Amino acid sequence: MRKLLIWLPLALFLVFLGVFASGLISPESKTIPSKLVGKPMPGFALAPGVPGKPGLTSAELTNGRPHLVNVFASWCVPCIAEAPQLRQLAEAGVPVYGIAIRDRPEDLARFLERNGDPFRAIGGDPNSSVQIALGSSGVPETFIVDGKGIIRRQHIGAINPEDVPGIMSALGDAR
């Protein structure tokens, strides 16, 4: 019996390690939603991300109309994949605004030239301060903001073609 008690701490440690590892391998959720959904957009004023396009302030998002705010970067591969859907939304009359994360104006200009420019304004966020304030955990992420500046929905990851109807519906609900 005494010999078995010596191995008990090791057995308990291995059980703990197994439970911990299983949580890492297949976590309950792979996304980290923003705690700001249902709350006002944090205050910010971003300089233009590219020449010839206005920057973005949080005050612009309180004009009575719902908006789409897309957090993106020129170096982000999924951002390229969602470009056609953002263009489709903009062509349908959705005001699309961009927050460019840790990017250079010349890289953004090339990205927009290659993939299209659906944005009414692009604010440059070189230190990710607005991204962090939004509770965004990566790029791309898109926020639906109602006309009063309240974040109504967050879409984590690239917007795929099958996501567009749900986004349009959420924009209608945000009116």
N, C-alpha and C. Protein backbone atom coordinates (compact mmCIF):
# COMPACT_ATOMS: atom_id res chain seq x y z
N MET A 1 0.83 -1.20 0.00
CA MET A 1 0.00 0.00 0.00
C MET A 1 0.87 1.25 0.00
N ARG A 2 1.95 1.21 0.76
CA ARG A 2 2.84 2.35 0.88
C ARG A 2 3.50 2.65 -0.47
N LYS A 3 3.84 1.62 -1.22
CA LYS A 3 4.45 1.80 -2.54
C LYS A 3 3.48 2.49 -3.50
N LEU A 4 2.19 2.21 -3.39
CA LEU A 4 1.18 2.84 -4.23
C LEU A 4 1.03 4.33 -3.89
N LEU A 5 1.11 4.68 -2.63
CA LEU A 5 0.98 6.07 -2.19
C LEU A 5 2.12 6.93 -2.73
N ILE A 6 3.27 6.34 -2.93
CA ILE A 6 4.42 7.09 -3.47
C ILE A 6 4.11 7.55 -4.90
N TRP A 7 3.39 6.76 -5.66
CA TRP A 7 3.09 7.08 -7.06
C TRP A 7 1.83 7.95 -7.22
N LEU A 8 1.08 8.15 -6.14
CA LEU A 8 -0.15 8.92 -6.20
C LEU A 8 0.06 10.36 -6.70
N PRO A 9 1.06 11.12 -6.18
CA PRO A 9 1.26 12.48 -6.70
C PRO A 9 1.55 12.50 -8.21
N LEU A 10 2.33 11.55 -8.69
CA LEU A 10 2.63 11.50 -10.13
C LEU A 10 1.36 11.20 -10.92
N ALA A 11 0.56 10.28 -10.44
CA ALA A 11 -0.69 9.94 -11.12
C ALA A 11 -1.62 11.14 -11.16
N LEU A 12 -1.75 11.87 -10.05
CA LEU A 12 -2.60 13.06 -10.02
C LEU A 12 -2.07 14.13 -10.97
N PHE A 13 -0.77 14.30 -11.02
CA PHE A 13 -0.17 15.27 -11.93
C PHE A 13 -0.46 14.90 -13.38
N LEU A 14 -0.35 13.63 -13.73
CA LEU A 14 -0.61 13.19 -15.10
C LEU A 14 -2.08 13.39 -15.47
N VAL A 15 -2.99 13.16 -14.54
CA VAL A 15 -4.41 13.40 -14.80
C VAL A 15 -4.64 14.89 -15.04
N PHE A 16 -4.06 15.73 -14.17
CA PHE A 16 -4.18 17.18 -14.35
C PHE A 16 -3.60 17.61 -15.70
N LEU A 17 -2.45 17.10 -16.05
CA LEU A 17 -1.81 17.43 -17.33
C LEU A 17 -2.69 17.01 -18.50
N GLY A 18 -3.31 15.86 -18.41
CA GLY A 18 -4.20 15.39 -19.48
C GLY A 18 -5.41 16.28 -19.65
N VAL A 19 -6.02 16.69 -18.55
CA VAL A 19 -7.18 17.58 -18.62
C VAL A 19 -6.78 18.93 -19.20
N PHE A 20 -5.66 19.46 -18.75
CA PHE A 20 -5.16 20.75 -19.24
C PHE A 20 -4.85 20.67 -20.74
N ALA A 21 -4.17 19.63 -21.17
CA ALA A 21 -3.82 19.46 -22.58
C ALA A 21 -5.06 19.31 -23.46
N SER A 22 -6.07 18.62 -22.98
CA SER A 22 -7.28 18.45 -23.80
C SER A 22 -7.96 19.80 -24.01
N GLY A 23 -7.91 20.69 -23.03
CA GLY A 23 -8.48 22.03 -23.20
C GLY A 23 -7.72 22.85 -24.21
N LEU A 24 -6.41 22.64 -24.31
CA LEU A 24 -5.61 23.35 -25.30
C LEU A 24 -5.82 22.79 -26.70
N ILE A 25 -5.97 21.50 -26.79
CA ILE A 25 -6.12 20.86 -28.10
C ILE A 25 -7.48 21.15 -28.71
N SER A 26 -8.54 21.05 -27.92
CA SER A 26 -9.88 21.34 -28.43
C SER A 26 -10.60 22.23 -27.43
N PRO A 27 -10.30 23.55 -27.48
CA PRO A 27 -10.95 24.46 -26.54
C PRO A 27 -12.44 24.58 -26.78
N GLU A 28 -13.15 25.04 -25.76
CA GLU A 28 -14.60 25.22 -25.85
C GLU A 28 -14.95 26.18 -26.98
N SER A 29 -14.17 27.24 -27.14
CA SER A 29 -14.41 28.22 -28.19
C SER A 29 -13.07 28.69 -28.73
N LYS A 30 -12.98 28.87 -30.03
CA LYS A 30 -11.74 29.34 -30.64
C LYS A 30 -11.78 30.84 -30.91
N THR A 31 -12.87 31.48 -30.57
CA THR A 31 -12.99 32.92 -30.79
C THR A 31 -13.11 33.63 -29.46
N ILE A 32 -12.64 34.85 -29.46
CA ILE A 32 -12.72 35.68 -28.26
C ILE A 32 -13.57 36.89 -28.62
N PRO A 33 -14.87 36.85 -28.27
CA PRO A 33 -15.74 37.97 -28.64
C PRO A 33 -15.42 39.22 -27.83
N SER A 34 -15.67 40.36 -28.42
CA SER A 34 -15.47 41.64 -27.76
C SER A 34 -16.51 41.82 -26.65
N LYS A 35 -16.09 42.39 -25.56
CA LYS A 35 -17.00 42.70 -24.46
C LYS A 35 -17.78 43.98 -24.74
N LEU A 36 -17.49 44.64 -25.87
CA LEU A 36 -18.15 45.91 -26.20
C LEU A 36 -19.42 45.76 -27.01
N VAL A 37 -19.77 44.55 -27.41
CA VAL A 37 -21.02 44.37 -28.15
C VAL A 37 -22.16 44.80 -27.23
N GLY A 38 -22.98 45.75 -27.74
CA GLY A 38 -24.06 46.31 -26.94
C GLY A 38 -23.66 47.58 -26.21
N LYS A 39 -22.41 47.99 -26.39
CA LYS A 39 -21.90 49.20 -25.72
C LYS A 39 -21.41 50.19 -26.77
N PRO A 40 -21.20 51.45 -26.36
CA PRO A 40 -20.74 52.46 -27.31
C PRO A 40 -19.34 52.17 -27.84
N MET A 41 -19.14 52.58 -29.07
CA MET A 41 -17.82 52.50 -29.69
C MET A 41 -16.86 53.35 -28.84
N PRO A 42 -15.65 52.85 -28.56
CA PRO A 42 -14.71 53.68 -27.79
C PRO A 42 -14.34 54.93 -28.59
N GLY A 43 -14.04 56.00 -27.90
CA GLY A 43 -13.67 57.24 -28.57
C GLY A 43 -12.29 57.13 -29.21
N PHE A 44 -12.18 57.60 -30.45
CA PHE A 44 -10.88 57.59 -31.14
C PHE A 44 -10.91 58.58 -32.28
N ALA A 45 -9.73 58.96 -32.71
CA ALA A 45 -9.54 59.80 -33.90
C ALA A 45 -8.28 59.29 -34.58
N LEU A 46 -8.45 58.64 -35.72
CA LEU A 46 -7.33 58.06 -36.45
C LEU A 46 -7.01 58.89 -37.68
N ALA A 47 -5.74 59.10 -37.91
CA ALA A 47 -5.28 59.80 -39.09
C ALA A 47 -5.54 58.94 -40.32
N PRO A 48 -5.56 59.55 -41.51
CA PRO A 48 -5.78 58.75 -42.73
C PRO A 48 -4.74 57.63 -42.87
N GLY A 49 -5.23 56.46 -43.24
CA GLY A 49 -4.34 55.32 -43.44
C GLY A 49 -3.64 55.36 -44.78
N VAL A 50 -4.26 56.02 -45.75
CA VAL A 50 -3.67 56.18 -47.09
C VAL A 50 -3.91 57.61 -47.56
N PRO A 51 -3.00 58.15 -48.36
CA PRO A 51 -3.21 59.49 -48.89
C PRO A 51 -4.46 59.54 -49.78
N GLY A 52 -5.19 60.65 -49.69
CA GLY A 52 -6.36 60.83 -50.54
C GLY A 52 -7.64 60.25 -49.98
N LYS A 53 -7.57 59.65 -48.83
CA LYS A 53 -8.76 59.05 -48.20
C LYS A 53 -8.81 59.60 -46.78
N PRO A 54 -10.00 60.00 -46.29
CA PRO A 54 -10.06 60.56 -44.94
C PRO A 54 -9.75 59.52 -43.87
N GLY A 55 -9.31 60.02 -42.72
CA GLY A 55 -9.13 59.18 -41.55
C GLY A 55 -10.49 58.86 -40.95
N LEU A 56 -10.50 58.33 -39.75
CA LEU A 56 -11.76 57.89 -39.14
C LEU A 56 -11.80 58.31 -37.68
N THR A 57 -12.95 58.84 -37.27
CA THR A 57 -13.18 59.14 -35.86
C THR A 57 -14.44 58.43 -35.41
N SER A 58 -14.52 58.17 -34.12
CA SER A 58 -15.70 57.51 -33.58
C SER A 58 -16.94 58.40 -33.73
N ALA A 59 -16.75 59.71 -33.75
CA ALA A 59 -17.88 60.64 -33.90
C ALA A 59 -18.59 60.44 -35.24
N GLU A 60 -17.85 60.03 -36.28
CA GLU A 60 -18.45 59.81 -37.60
C GLU A 60 -19.44 58.65 -37.59
N LEU A 61 -19.35 57.81 -36.58
CA LEU A 61 -20.19 56.61 -36.52
C LEU A 61 -21.48 56.85 -35.73
N THR A 62 -21.78 58.12 -35.46
CA THR A 62 -23.00 58.45 -34.70
C THR A 62 -23.92 59.36 -35.51
N ASN A 63 -23.98 59.14 -36.83
CA ASN A 63 -24.75 60.04 -37.70
C ASN A 63 -26.17 59.54 -37.98
N GLY A 64 -26.64 58.55 -37.22
CA GLY A 64 -28.00 58.08 -37.40
C GLY A 64 -28.16 56.89 -38.33
N ARG A 65 -27.08 56.51 -39.02
CA ARG A 65 -27.13 55.36 -39.94
C ARG A 65 -26.23 54.25 -39.44
N PRO A 66 -26.61 52.99 -39.64
CA PRO A 66 -25.70 51.90 -39.26
C PRO A 66 -24.48 51.86 -40.18
N HIS A 67 -23.39 51.38 -39.64
CA HIS A 67 -22.12 51.30 -40.37
C HIS A 67 -21.47 49.94 -40.17
N LEU A 68 -20.59 49.63 -41.09
CA LEU A 68 -19.74 48.45 -40.96
C LEU A 68 -18.32 48.98 -40.73
N VAL A 69 -17.68 48.54 -39.66
CA VAL A 69 -16.31 48.94 -39.38
C VAL A 69 -15.45 47.69 -39.47
N ASN A 70 -14.55 47.69 -40.44
CA ASN A 70 -13.72 46.52 -40.72
C ASN A 70 -12.30 46.77 -40.24
N VAL A 71 -11.82 45.90 -39.35
CA VAL A 71 -10.45 45.95 -38.85
C VAL A 71 -9.66 45.01 -39.76
N PHE A 72 -8.66 45.56 -40.46
CA PHE A 72 -7.96 44.78 -41.48
C PHE A 72 -6.49 45.21 -41.57
N ALA A 73 -5.75 44.54 -42.45
CA ALA A 73 -4.35 44.90 -42.70
C ALA A 73 -3.97 44.40 -44.09
N SER A 74 -3.03 45.10 -44.70
CA SER A 74 -2.59 44.70 -46.04
C SER A 74 -1.84 43.37 -46.01
N TRP A 75 -1.25 43.02 -44.89
CA TRP A 75 -0.47 41.79 -44.76
C TRP A 75 -1.33 40.59 -44.35
N CYS A 76 -2.62 40.79 -44.24
CA CYS A 76 -3.55 39.76 -43.76
C CYS A 76 -4.14 38.99 -44.94
N VAL A 77 -3.85 37.71 -45.02
CA VAL A 77 -4.34 36.88 -46.13
C VAL A 77 -5.86 36.74 -46.11
N PRO A 78 -6.51 36.48 -44.95
CA PRO A 78 -7.98 36.40 -44.96
C PRO A 78 -8.64 37.73 -45.35
N CYS A 79 -7.94 38.85 -45.16
CA CYS A 79 -8.49 40.15 -45.56
C CYS A 79 -8.63 40.22 -47.08
N ILE A 80 -7.73 39.57 -47.80
CA ILE A 80 -7.82 39.50 -49.26
C ILE A 80 -9.05 38.69 -49.65
N ALA A 81 -9.28 37.59 -48.92
CA ALA A 81 -10.41 36.70 -49.23
C ALA A 81 -11.76 37.40 -49.01
N GLU A 82 -11.83 38.32 -48.04
CA GLU A 82 -13.11 38.97 -47.77
C GLU A 82 -13.33 40.22 -48.61
N ALA A 83 -12.34 40.66 -49.36
CA ALA A 83 -12.46 41.91 -50.14
C ALA A 83 -13.66 41.91 -51.08
N PRO A 84 -13.94 40.83 -51.81
CA PRO A 84 -15.12 40.87 -52.71
C PRO A 84 -16.44 41.05 -51.94
N GLN A 85 -16.53 40.48 -50.75
CA GLN A 85 -17.77 40.62 -49.97
C GLN A 85 -17.91 42.04 -49.43
N LEU A 86 -16.81 42.67 -49.02
CA LEU A 86 -16.87 44.06 -48.58
C LEU A 86 -17.28 44.97 -49.74
N ARG A 87 -16.74 44.68 -50.91
CA ARG A 87 -17.12 45.46 -52.11
C ARG A 87 -18.60 45.28 -52.40
N GLN A 88 -19.09 44.05 -52.29
CA GLN A 88 -20.52 43.77 -52.52
C GLN A 88 -21.38 44.54 -51.53
N LEU A 89 -21.00 44.57 -50.27
CA LEU A 89 -21.75 45.31 -49.26
C LEU A 89 -21.74 46.80 -49.56
N ALA A 90 -20.57 47.33 -49.94
CA ALA A 90 -20.47 48.76 -50.26
C ALA A 90 -21.34 49.11 -51.46
N GLU A 91 -21.35 48.24 -52.48
CA GLU A 91 -22.16 48.48 -53.68
C GLU A 91 -23.65 48.42 -53.37
N ALA A 92 -24.01 47.72 -52.28
CA ALA A 92 -25.42 47.64 -51.86
C ALA A 92 -25.80 48.86 -51.00
N GLY A 93 -24.86 49.79 -50.84
CA GLY A 93 -25.15 51.02 -50.11
C GLY A 93 -24.74 51.01 -48.64
N VAL A 94 -24.06 49.96 -48.21
CA VAL A 94 -23.61 49.88 -46.81
C VAL A 94 -22.39 50.78 -46.64
N PRO A 95 -22.41 51.70 -45.67
CA PRO A 95 -21.23 52.50 -45.41
C PRO A 95 -20.16 51.65 -44.72
N VAL A 96 -19.07 51.40 -45.42
CA VAL A 96 -17.99 50.55 -44.91
C VAL A 96 -16.81 51.45 -44.56
N TYR A 97 -16.34 51.34 -43.32
CA TYR A 97 -15.19 52.10 -42.84
C TYR A 97 -14.10 51.11 -42.43
N GLY A 98 -12.85 51.51 -42.60
CA GLY A 98 -11.75 50.62 -42.29
C GLY A 98 -10.84 51.16 -41.20
N ILE A 99 -10.30 50.24 -40.42
CA ILE A 99 -9.25 50.55 -39.46
C ILE A 99 -8.08 49.64 -39.84
N ALA A 100 -7.01 50.26 -40.35
CA ALA A 100 -5.84 49.53 -40.82
C ALA A 100 -4.86 49.35 -39.66
N ILE A 101 -4.55 48.11 -39.36
CA ILE A 101 -3.72 47.76 -38.21
C ILE A 101 -2.27 47.59 -38.62
N ARG A 102 -1.37 48.26 -37.88
CA ARG A 102 0.08 48.10 -38.04
C ARG A 102 0.49 48.03 -39.52
N ASP A 103 0.13 49.05 -40.25
CA ASP A 103 0.36 49.05 -41.70
C ASP A 103 1.03 50.33 -42.15
N ARG A 104 1.62 50.28 -43.33
CA ARG A 104 2.24 51.45 -43.93
C ARG A 104 1.36 51.94 -45.08
N PRO A 105 1.28 53.26 -45.28
CA PRO A 105 0.41 53.80 -46.34
C PRO A 105 0.68 53.20 -47.71
N GLU A 106 1.94 53.00 -48.07
CA GLU A 106 2.24 52.45 -49.40
C GLU A 106 1.77 51.00 -49.53
N ASP A 107 1.86 50.22 -48.46
CA ASP A 107 1.36 48.84 -48.50
C ASP A 107 -0.16 48.81 -48.59
N LEU A 108 -0.82 49.71 -47.86
CA LEU A 108 -2.29 49.81 -47.94
C LEU A 108 -2.74 50.20 -49.34
N ALA A 109 -2.04 51.17 -49.93
CA ALA A 109 -2.40 51.61 -51.29
C ALA A 109 -2.31 50.45 -52.28
N ARG A 110 -1.25 49.65 -52.19
CA ARG A 110 -1.11 48.48 -53.07
C ARG A 110 -2.22 47.47 -52.81
N PHE A 111 -2.53 47.23 -51.53
CA PHE A 111 -3.60 46.30 -51.17
C PHE A 111 -4.93 46.73 -51.79
N LEU A 112 -5.25 48.02 -51.65
CA LEU A 112 -6.52 48.54 -52.19
C LEU A 112 -6.54 48.50 -53.71
N GLU A 113 -5.41 48.75 -54.32
CA GLU A 113 -5.33 48.71 -55.79
C GLU A 113 -5.57 47.29 -56.30
N ARG A 114 -5.00 46.30 -55.62
CA ARG A 114 -5.14 44.90 -56.04
C ARG A 114 -6.51 44.32 -55.71
N ASN A 115 -7.08 44.70 -54.57
CA ASN A 115 -8.27 44.02 -54.06
C ASN A 115 -9.53 44.87 -54.06
N GLY A 116 -9.44 46.11 -54.49
CA GLY A 116 -10.59 47.01 -54.49
C GLY A 116 -10.66 47.81 -53.21
N ASP A 117 -11.38 48.92 -53.29
CA ASP A 117 -11.48 49.83 -52.16
C ASP A 117 -12.94 50.11 -51.83
N PRO A 118 -13.52 49.34 -50.90
CA PRO A 118 -14.92 49.56 -50.53
C PRO A 118 -15.09 50.61 -49.43
N PHE A 119 -13.98 51.17 -48.93
CA PHE A 119 -14.02 52.00 -47.73
C PHE A 119 -14.31 53.47 -48.01
N ARG A 120 -15.20 54.05 -47.21
CA ARG A 120 -15.46 55.49 -47.28
C ARG A 120 -14.33 56.26 -46.61
N ALA A 121 -13.75 55.66 -45.59
CA ALA A 121 -12.62 56.26 -44.87
C ALA A 121 -11.80 55.11 -44.28
N ILE A 122 -10.50 55.36 -44.13
CA ILE A 122 -9.62 54.37 -43.51
C ILE A 122 -8.74 55.09 -42.50
N GLY A 123 -8.88 54.69 -41.27
CA GLY A 123 -8.03 55.23 -40.22
C GLY A 123 -6.85 54.30 -39.99
N GLY A 124 -5.67 54.87 -39.90
CA GLY A 124 -4.47 54.07 -39.62
C GLY A 124 -4.30 53.89 -38.11
N ASP A 125 -4.13 52.67 -37.69
CA ASP A 125 -3.94 52.34 -36.27
C ASP A 125 -2.58 51.66 -36.12
N PRO A 126 -1.49 52.45 -36.16
CA PRO A 126 -0.15 51.86 -36.22
C PRO A 126 0.24 51.07 -34.97
N ASN A 127 -0.33 51.39 -33.83
CA ASN A 127 0.02 50.69 -32.59
C ASN A 127 -1.08 49.77 -32.09
N SER A 128 -2.11 49.59 -32.89
CA SER A 128 -3.26 48.73 -32.55
C SER A 128 -4.03 49.23 -31.32
N SER A 129 -3.92 50.49 -30.99
CA SER A 129 -4.59 51.00 -29.79
C SER A 129 -6.12 50.95 -29.93
N VAL A 130 -6.64 51.30 -31.10
CA VAL A 130 -8.10 51.23 -31.29
C VAL A 130 -8.54 49.78 -31.38
N GLN A 131 -7.75 48.96 -32.04
CA GLN A 131 -8.07 47.54 -32.12
C GLN A 131 -8.19 46.94 -30.71
N ILE A 132 -7.25 47.27 -29.84
CA ILE A 132 -7.29 46.76 -28.47
C ILE A 132 -8.49 47.34 -27.72
N ALA A 133 -8.76 48.63 -27.91
CA ALA A 133 -9.91 49.26 -27.24
C ALA A 133 -11.23 48.61 -27.67
N LEU A 134 -11.28 48.14 -28.92
CA LEU A 134 -12.48 47.47 -29.42
C LEU A 134 -12.64 46.05 -28.89
N GLY A 135 -11.57 45.52 -28.32
CA GLY A 135 -11.61 44.13 -27.87
C GLY A 135 -11.41 43.17 -29.02
N SER A 136 -10.83 43.66 -30.11
CA SER A 136 -10.56 42.83 -31.28
C SER A 136 -9.31 42.00 -31.02
N SER A 137 -9.38 40.73 -31.36
CA SER A 137 -8.26 39.84 -31.09
C SER A 137 -7.43 39.52 -32.32
N GLY A 138 -7.78 40.07 -33.46
CA GLY A 138 -7.03 39.79 -34.68
C GLY A 138 -7.66 40.45 -35.87
N VAL A 139 -7.13 40.12 -37.03
CA VAL A 139 -7.67 40.63 -38.29
C VAL A 139 -8.01 39.45 -39.19
N PRO A 140 -9.03 39.57 -39.99
CA PRO A 140 -10.01 40.63 -40.01
C PRO A 140 -11.10 40.42 -38.97
N GLU A 141 -11.64 41.51 -38.52
CA GLU A 141 -12.84 41.52 -37.69
C GLU A 141 -13.70 42.67 -38.15
N THR A 142 -14.99 42.47 -38.09
CA THR A 142 -15.93 43.49 -38.56
C THR A 142 -16.97 43.74 -37.49
N PHE A 143 -17.26 45.02 -37.28
CA PHE A 143 -18.24 45.43 -36.28
C PHE A 143 -19.40 46.14 -36.97
N ILE A 144 -20.61 45.79 -36.59
CA ILE A 144 -21.79 46.52 -37.04
C ILE A 144 -22.11 47.52 -35.94
N VAL A 145 -22.12 48.80 -36.32
CA VAL A 145 -22.33 49.89 -35.38
C VAL A 145 -23.62 50.59 -35.78
N ASP A 146 -24.54 50.76 -34.82
CA ASP A 146 -25.80 51.43 -35.15
C ASP A 146 -25.57 52.94 -35.27
N GLY A 147 -26.62 53.67 -35.63
CA GLY A 147 -26.52 55.11 -35.88
C GLY A 147 -26.20 55.94 -34.65
N LYS A 148 -26.29 55.35 -33.47
CA LYS A 148 -25.95 56.06 -32.24
C LYS A 148 -24.53 55.73 -31.77
N GLY A 149 -23.83 54.90 -32.55
CA GLY A 149 -22.46 54.54 -32.18
C GLY A 149 -22.35 53.35 -31.26
N ILE A 150 -23.43 52.56 -31.16
CA ILE A 150 -23.42 51.37 -30.31
C ILE A 150 -23.03 50.17 -31.17
N ILE A 151 -22.09 49.37 -30.68
CA ILE A 151 -21.67 48.16 -31.40
C ILE A 151 -22.78 47.12 -31.22
N ARG A 152 -23.36 46.69 -32.33
CA ARG A 152 -24.48 45.75 -32.27
C ARG A 152 -24.07 44.31 -32.58
N ARG A 153 -22.99 44.14 -33.33
CA ARG A 153 -22.58 42.79 -33.69
C ARG A 153 -21.11 42.80 -34.05
N GLN A 154 -20.47 41.68 -33.82
CA GLN A 154 -19.07 41.50 -34.18
C GLN A 154 -18.97 40.24 -35.04
N HIS A 155 -18.26 40.35 -36.15
CA HIS A 155 -18.00 39.19 -37.00
C HIS A 155 -16.50 38.93 -36.93
N ILE A 156 -16.12 37.80 -36.38
CA ILE A 156 -14.71 37.46 -36.23
C ILE A 156 -14.29 36.62 -37.43
N GLY A 157 -13.20 37.04 -38.08
CA GLY A 157 -12.69 36.33 -39.25
C GLY A 157 -13.19 36.97 -40.53
N ALA A 158 -12.78 36.37 -41.63
CA ALA A 158 -13.15 36.89 -42.95
C ALA A 158 -14.65 36.76 -43.19
N ILE A 159 -15.21 37.75 -43.86
CA ILE A 159 -16.61 37.69 -44.28
C ILE A 159 -16.65 36.83 -45.54
N ASN A 160 -17.35 35.72 -45.46
CA ASN A 160 -17.49 34.81 -46.60
C ASN A 160 -18.80 35.13 -47.32
N PRO A 161 -18.96 34.66 -48.56
CA PRO A 161 -20.21 34.95 -49.30
C PRO A 161 -21.47 34.55 -48.52
N GLU A 162 -21.42 33.44 -47.81
CA GLU A 162 -22.60 33.00 -47.07
C GLU A 162 -22.89 33.86 -45.84
N ASP A 163 -21.94 34.72 -45.43
CA ASP A 163 -22.14 35.61 -44.29
C ASP A 163 -22.88 36.90 -44.66
N VAL A 164 -22.87 37.25 -45.95
CA VAL A 164 -23.41 38.54 -46.39
C VAL A 164 -24.89 38.72 -46.03
N PRO A 165 -25.77 37.74 -46.27
CA PRO A 165 -27.18 37.95 -45.91
C PRO A 165 -27.38 38.22 -44.41
N GLY A 166 -26.65 37.52 -43.56
CA GLY A 166 -26.76 37.75 -42.12
C GLY A 166 -26.28 39.13 -41.72
N ILE A 167 -25.23 39.60 -42.37
CA ILE A 167 -24.71 40.94 -42.09
C ILE A 167 -25.71 41.99 -42.55
N MET A 168 -26.30 41.79 -43.73
CA MET A 168 -27.31 42.73 -44.23
C MET A 168 -28.50 42.77 -43.26
N SER A 169 -28.90 41.62 -42.77
CA SER A 169 -30.01 41.54 -41.82
C SER A 169 -29.66 42.28 -40.52
N ALA A 170 -28.45 42.06 -40.03
CA ALA A 170 -28.02 42.73 -38.79
C ALA A 170 -27.94 44.24 -38.99
N LEU A 171 -27.53 44.67 -40.17
CA LEU A 171 -27.50 46.11 -40.46
C LEU A 171 -28.92 46.67 -40.46
N GLY A 172 -29.87 45.93 -41.02
CA GLY A 172 -31.27 46.36 -40.99
C GLY A 172 -31.80 46.45 -39.57
N ASP A 173 -31.42 45.49 -38.72
CA ASP A 173 -31.85 45.51 -37.32
C ASP A 173 -31.22 46.66 -36.54
N ALA A 174 -30.07 47.15 -37.02
CA ALA A 174 -29.34 48.22 -36.31
C ALA A 174 -29.91 49.60 -36.65
N ARG A 175 -30.89 49.68 -37.50
CA ARG A 175 -31.45 50.99 -37.86
C ARG A 175 -32.23 51.60 -36.73
